[in-house]
Amino acid sequence: MNPFTPYLRLNAVRLDLDVKSLKRLFEEAAGALEVTYGVPHDEAFAALSERERIGSTALGHGCAVPHGRLESLDSPVVAFLRTREPVKTPSPDGTGAKLFVVILAPAENPEAHLGLLRATAALLSDADARARLIAAPTPTAFCEALSAWVPPVEEAGDAAT
């Protein structure tokens, strides 16, 4: 089992979104988190927006990991979004982002948050995994591609924390 298996829910996968800004992307992410996990839309949106104000969560290669912490959560929640065109966001390689792994974690459990961030960085650093996620035609295919990913050995133990 990879670190994302517990978070694979079809309602939390939104593909080929026609959004042009991070604000709209955060609205979509908050909607997915509300429908899937019951996280209040306004709380999710605020947490993502506040974190992004600190600095860009774009990693390069067309990927970003918007994330934040909420007092009201007991365990992490994750949504996976992909846009039709890259959203303009400061990224190390200037490409913007079209593949987003959105993570909200409990404020009281930084280890779970950091473990998921490490696993996400490993996933999005894997060119083959990125290509499969970008090419997945449906949420089901996206979940299958994600569940098939095998984390590097050094990440497997870290992500479980």
C-alpha atoms as a PDB file:
ATOM      1  CA  MET A   1       0.000   0.000   0.000  1.00  0.00           C
ATOM      2  CA  ASN A   2       1.358   3.414  -0.896  1.00  0.00           C
ATOM      3  CA  PRO A   3       0.742   6.508   1.268  1.00  0.00           C
ATOM      4  CA  PHE A   4      -2.090   7.760  -0.963  1.00  0.00           C
ATOM      5  CA  THR A   5      -4.221   4.604  -0.886  1.00  0.00           C
ATOM      6  CA  PRO A   6      -6.224   5.721   2.181  1.00  0.00           C
ATOM      7  CA  TYR A   7      -7.153   8.961   0.389  1.00  0.00           C
ATOM      8  CA  LEU A   8      -8.319   7.580  -2.954  1.00  0.00           C
ATOM      9  CA  ARG A   9     -11.932   8.624  -3.311  1.00  0.00           C
ATOM     10  CA  LEU A  10     -13.525   9.345  -6.664  1.00  0.00           C
ATOM     11  CA  ASN A  11     -15.275  12.454  -5.278  1.00  0.00           C
ATOM     12  CA  ALA A  12     -11.863  13.862  -4.368  1.00  0.00           C
ATOM     13  CA  VAL A  13     -10.528  13.591  -7.935  1.00  0.00           C
ATOM     14  CA  ARG A  14     -11.419  16.452 -10.274  1.00  0.00           C
ATOM     15  CA  LEU A  15      -9.955  16.278 -13.771  1.00  0.00           C
ATOM     16  CA  ASP A  16      -9.621  18.699 -16.666  1.00  0.00           C
ATOM     17  CA  LEU A  17     -10.942  21.690 -14.776  1.00  0.00           C
ATOM     18  CA  ASP A  18     -11.273  24.884 -16.759  1.00  0.00           C
ATOM     19  CA  VAL A  19      -9.841  27.301 -14.201  1.00  0.00           C
ATOM     20  CA  LYS A  20      -7.419  30.136 -14.787  1.00  0.00           C
ATOM     21  CA  SER A  21      -6.473  31.227 -11.261  1.00  0.00           C
ATOM     22  CA  LEU A  22      -5.389  29.737  -7.970  1.00  0.00           C
ATOM     23  CA  LYS A  23      -8.419  31.325  -6.324  1.00  0.00           C
ATOM     24  CA  ARG A  24     -10.764  29.344  -8.599  1.00  0.00           C
ATOM     25  CA  LEU A  25      -8.641  26.225  -8.129  1.00  0.00           C
ATOM     26  CA  PHE A  26      -8.907  26.594  -4.343  1.00  0.00           C
ATOM     27  CA  GLU A  27     -12.679  26.970  -4.711  1.00  0.00           C
ATOM     28  CA  GLU A  28     -12.781  23.668  -6.628  1.00  0.00           C
ATOM     29  CA  ALA A  29     -10.506  21.986  -4.091  1.00  0.00           C
ATOM     30  CA  ALA A  30     -12.597  23.237  -1.180  1.00  0.00           C
ATOM     31  CA  GLY A  31     -15.715  21.909  -2.905  1.00  0.00           C
ATOM     32  CA  ALA A  32     -14.118  18.485  -3.394  1.00  0.00           C
ATOM     33  CA  LEU A  33     -12.989  18.374   0.243  1.00  0.00           C
ATOM     34  CA  GLU A  34     -16.429  19.400   1.468  1.00  0.00           C
ATOM     35  CA  VAL A  35     -18.284  16.802  -0.611  1.00  0.00           C
ATOM     36  CA  THR A  36     -15.801  14.017   0.111  1.00  0.00           C
ATOM     37  CA  TYR A  37     -14.800  14.606   3.724  1.00  0.00           C
ATOM     38  CA  GLY A  38     -17.306  17.107   5.103  1.00  0.00           C
ATOM     39  CA  VAL A  39     -14.678  19.824   5.573  1.00  0.00           C
ATOM     40  CA  PRO A  40     -16.470  23.197   5.559  1.00  0.00           C
ATOM     41  CA  HIS A  41     -15.812  24.906   2.229  1.00  0.00           C
ATOM     42  CA  ASP A  42     -14.881  28.266   3.743  1.00  0.00           C
ATOM     43  CA  GLU A  43     -12.394  26.703   6.187  1.00  0.00           C
ATOM     44  CA  ALA A  44     -10.678  24.689   3.450  1.00  0.00           C
ATOM     45  CA  PHE A  45     -10.513  27.683   1.124  1.00  0.00           C
ATOM     46  CA  ALA A  46      -9.117  29.937   3.854  1.00  0.00           C
ATOM     47  CA  ALA A  47      -6.451  27.408   4.920  1.00  0.00           C
ATOM     48  CA  LEU A  48      -5.242  26.930   1.335  1.00  0.00           C
ATOM     49  CA  SER A  49      -5.251  30.662   0.599  1.00  0.00           C
ATOM     50  CA  GLU A  50      -3.426  31.543   3.822  1.00  0.00           C
ATOM     51  CA  ARG A  51      -0.669  29.016   3.154  1.00  0.00           C
ATOM     52  CA  GLU A  52      -0.237  30.170  -0.445  1.00  0.00           C
ATOM     53  CA  ARG A  53       0.219  33.766   0.763  1.00  0.00           C
ATOM     54  CA  ILE A  54       3.312  32.598   2.636  1.00  0.00           C
ATOM     55  CA  GLY A  55       4.838  31.289  -0.578  1.00  0.00           C
ATOM     56  CA  SER A  56       4.057  29.344  -3.693  1.00  0.00           C
ATOM     57  CA  THR A  57       3.372  25.631  -3.315  1.00  0.00           C
ATOM     58  CA  ALA A  58       4.342  24.939  -6.950  1.00  0.00           C
ATOM     59  CA  LEU A  59       7.133  22.397  -7.320  1.00  0.00           C
ATOM     60  CA  GLY A  60       7.842  22.669 -11.034  1.00  0.00           C
ATOM     61  CA  HIS A  61       7.152  20.136 -13.800  1.00  0.00           C
ATOM     62  CA  GLY A  62       3.557  21.413 -13.887  1.00  0.00           C
ATOM     63  CA  CYS A  63       2.812  20.317 -10.309  1.00  0.00           C
ATOM     64  CA  ALA A  64       1.829  21.987  -7.055  1.00  0.00           C
ATOM     65  CA  VAL A  65       0.936  20.879  -3.545  1.00  0.00           C
ATOM     66  CA  PRO A  66      -1.439  23.393  -1.980  1.00  0.00           C
ATOM     67  CA  HIS A  67      -1.692  22.493   1.678  1.00  0.00           C
ATOM     68  CA  GLY A  68      -2.630  23.755   5.092  1.00  0.00           C
ATOM     69  CA  ARG A  69      -3.671  22.816   8.588  1.00  0.00           C
ATOM     70  CA  LEU A  70      -7.043  22.969  10.274  1.00  0.00           C
ATOM     71  CA  GLU A  71      -7.870  22.750  13.965  1.00  0.00           C
ATOM     72  CA  SER A  72     -11.132  20.961  13.155  1.00  0.00           C
ATOM     73  CA  LEU A  73      -9.515  17.925  11.487  1.00  0.00           C
ATOM     74  CA  ASP A  74      -8.731  14.634  13.224  1.00  0.00           C
ATOM     75  CA  SER A  75      -6.889  13.157  10.228  1.00  0.00           C
ATOM     76  CA  PRO A  76      -5.534  14.423   6.901  1.00  0.00           C
ATOM     77  CA  VAL A  77      -7.752  14.874   3.856  1.00  0.00           C
ATOM     78  CA  VAL A  78      -6.526  14.904   0.263  1.00  0.00           C
ATOM     79  CA  ALA A  79      -7.955  15.966  -3.090  1.00  0.00           C
ATOM     80  CA  PHE A  80      -6.404  15.537  -6.514  1.00  0.00           C
ATOM     81  CA  LEU A  81      -7.082  18.147  -9.192  1.00  0.00           C
ATOM     82  CA  ARG A  82      -5.918  18.517 -12.760  1.00  0.00           C
ATOM     83  CA  THR A  83      -6.590  21.523 -14.959  1.00  0.00           C
ATOM     84  CA  ARG A  84      -6.895  21.666 -18.748  1.00  0.00           C
ATOM     85  CA  GLU A  85      -4.242  24.365 -18.982  1.00  0.00           C
ATOM     86  CA  PRO A  86      -1.526  25.312 -16.496  1.00  0.00           C
ATOM     87  CA  VAL A  87      -2.585  27.775 -13.817  1.00  0.00           C
ATOM     88  CA  LYS A  88      -0.190  30.681 -13.488  1.00  0.00           C
ATOM     89  CA  THR A  89       1.642  30.298 -10.225  1.00  0.00           C
ATOM     90  CA  PRO A  90       5.252  31.018  -9.341  1.00  0.00           C
ATOM     91  CA  SER A  91       7.086  27.763  -9.982  1.00  0.00           C
ATOM     92  CA  PRO A  92      10.798  26.981 -10.001  1.00  0.00           C
ATOM     93  CA  ASP A  93      10.756  26.220 -13.729  1.00  0.00           C
ATOM     94  CA  GLY A  94       8.207  28.875 -14.746  1.00  0.00           C
ATOM     95  CA  THR A  95       5.705  26.317 -16.091  1.00  0.00           C
ATOM     96  CA  GLY A  96       2.818  27.051 -13.740  1.00  0.00           C
ATOM     97  CA  ALA A  97       0.875  23.986 -12.615  1.00  0.00           C
ATOM     98  CA  LYS A  98      -1.875  21.725 -13.887  1.00  0.00           C
ATOM     99  CA  LEU A  99      -1.542  18.777 -11.502  1.00  0.00           C
ATOM    100  CA  PHE A 100      -2.423  19.573  -7.883  1.00  0.00           C
ATOM    101  CA  VAL A 101      -2.316  17.383  -4.796  1.00  0.00           C
ATOM    102  CA  VAL A 102      -4.263  19.297  -2.151  1.00  0.00           C
ATOM    103  CA  ILE A 103      -3.625  18.345   1.475  1.00  0.00           C
ATOM    104  CA  LEU A 104      -5.262  19.576   4.653  1.00  0.00           C
ATOM    105  CA  ALA A 105      -4.002  18.097   7.889  1.00  0.00           C
ATOM    106  CA  PRO A 106      -4.824  18.424  11.582  1.00  0.00           C
ATOM    107  CA  ALA A 107      -3.082  21.346  13.228  1.00  0.00           C
ATOM    108  CA  GLU A 108      -2.209  19.070  16.147  1.00  0.00           C
ATOM    109  CA  ASN A 109      -0.439  16.409  14.054  1.00  0.00           C
ATOM    110  CA  PRO A 110       2.432  17.942  12.077  1.00  0.00           C
ATOM    111  CA  GLU A 111       4.028  14.511  11.497  1.00  0.00           C
ATOM    112  CA  ALA A 112       1.099  13.319   9.347  1.00  0.00           C
ATOM    113  CA  HIS A 113       1.226  16.560   7.378  1.00  0.00           C
ATOM    114  CA  LEU A 114       4.968  16.374   6.790  1.00  0.00           C
ATOM    115  CA  GLY A 115       4.799  12.675   5.889  1.00  0.00           C
ATOM    116  CA  LEU A 116       2.190  13.345   3.232  1.00  0.00           C
ATOM    117  CA  LEU A 117       4.172  16.296   1.881  1.00  0.00           C
ATOM    118  CA  ARG A 118       7.297  14.106   1.589  1.00  0.00           C
ATOM    119  CA  ALA A 119       5.337  11.359  -0.168  1.00  0.00           C
ATOM    120  CA  THR A 120       3.763  13.893  -2.533  1.00  0.00           C
ATOM    121  CA  ALA A 121       7.155  15.381  -3.389  1.00  0.00           C
ATOM    122  CA  ALA A 122       8.437  11.868  -4.162  1.00  0.00           C
ATOM    123  CA  LEU A 123       5.369  11.097  -6.305  1.00  0.00           C
ATOM    124  CA  LEU A 124       5.580  14.319  -8.281  1.00  0.00           C
ATOM    125  CA  SER A 125       9.346  13.912  -8.744  1.00  0.00           C
ATOM    126  CA  ASP A 126       8.690  10.630 -10.562  1.00  0.00           C
ATOM    127  CA  ALA A 127       8.406  11.525 -14.259  1.00  0.00           C
ATOM    128  CA  ASP A 128       6.602   8.265 -15.144  1.00  0.00           C
ATOM    129  CA  ALA A 129       4.046   8.727 -12.355  1.00  0.00           C
ATOM    130  CA  ARG A 130       3.432  12.344 -13.410  1.00  0.00           C
ATOM    131  CA  ALA A 131       2.888  11.261 -17.007  1.00  0.00           C
ATOM    132  CA  ARG A 132       0.383   8.576 -15.976  1.00  0.00           C
ATOM    133  CA  LEU A 133      -1.552  11.032 -13.800  1.00  0.00           C
ATOM    134  CA  ILE A 134      -1.590  13.675 -16.533  1.00  0.00           C
ATOM    135  CA  ALA A 135      -2.774  11.114 -19.113  1.00  0.00           C
ATOM    136  CA  ALA A 136      -5.461   9.423 -16.976  1.00  0.00           C
ATOM    137  CA  PRO A 137      -8.751   9.927 -18.854  1.00  0.00           C
ATOM    138  CA  THR A 138     -11.118   9.391 -15.887  1.00  0.00           C
ATOM    139  CA  PRO A 139     -11.085   9.696 -12.102  1.00  0.00           C
ATOM    140  CA  THR A 140     -11.073   5.891 -11.902  1.00  0.00           C
ATOM    141  CA  ALA A 141      -8.017   5.656 -14.161  1.00  0.00           C
ATOM    142  CA  PHE A 142      -6.365   8.422 -12.138  1.00  0.00           C
ATOM    143  CA  CYS A 143      -6.937   6.483  -8.896  1.00  0.00           C
ATOM    144  CA  GLU A 144      -5.604   3.302 -10.514  1.00  0.00           C
ATOM    145  CA  ALA A 145      -2.463   5.106 -11.687  1.00  0.00           C
ATOM    146  CA  LEU A 146      -1.972   6.631  -8.260  1.00  0.00           C
ATOM    147  CA  SER A 147      -2.529   3.363  -6.401  1.00  0.00           C
ATOM    148  CA  ALA A 148      -0.019   1.605  -8.688  1.00  0.00           C
ATOM    149  CA  TRP A 149       2.763   4.032  -7.744  1.00  0.00           C
ATOM    150  CA  VAL A 150       5.441   2.482  -5.565  1.00  0.00           C
ATOM    151  CA  PRO A 151       7.278   5.005  -3.392  1.00  0.00           C
ATOM    152  CA  PRO A 152      11.056   4.885  -3.168  1.00  0.00           C
ATOM    153  CA  VAL A 153      12.224   2.715  -0.281  1.00  0.00           C
ATOM    154  CA  GLU A 154      13.423   5.675   1.804  1.00  0.00           C
ATOM    155  CA  GLU A 155      10.034   7.386   1.408  1.00  0.00           C
ATOM    156  CA  ALA A 156       7.933   4.344   2.270  1.00  0.00           C
ATOM    157  CA  GLY A 157       8.850   4.487   5.970  1.00  0.00           C
ATOM    158  CA  ASP A 158       8.703   8.283   6.178  1.00  0.00           C
ATOM    159  CA  ALA A 159       5.214   8.550   4.693  1.00  0.00           C
ATOM    160  CA  ALA A 160       3.762   6.211   7.300  1.00  0.00           C
ATOM    161  CA  THR A 161       4.502   8.665  10.109  1.00  0.00           C
END
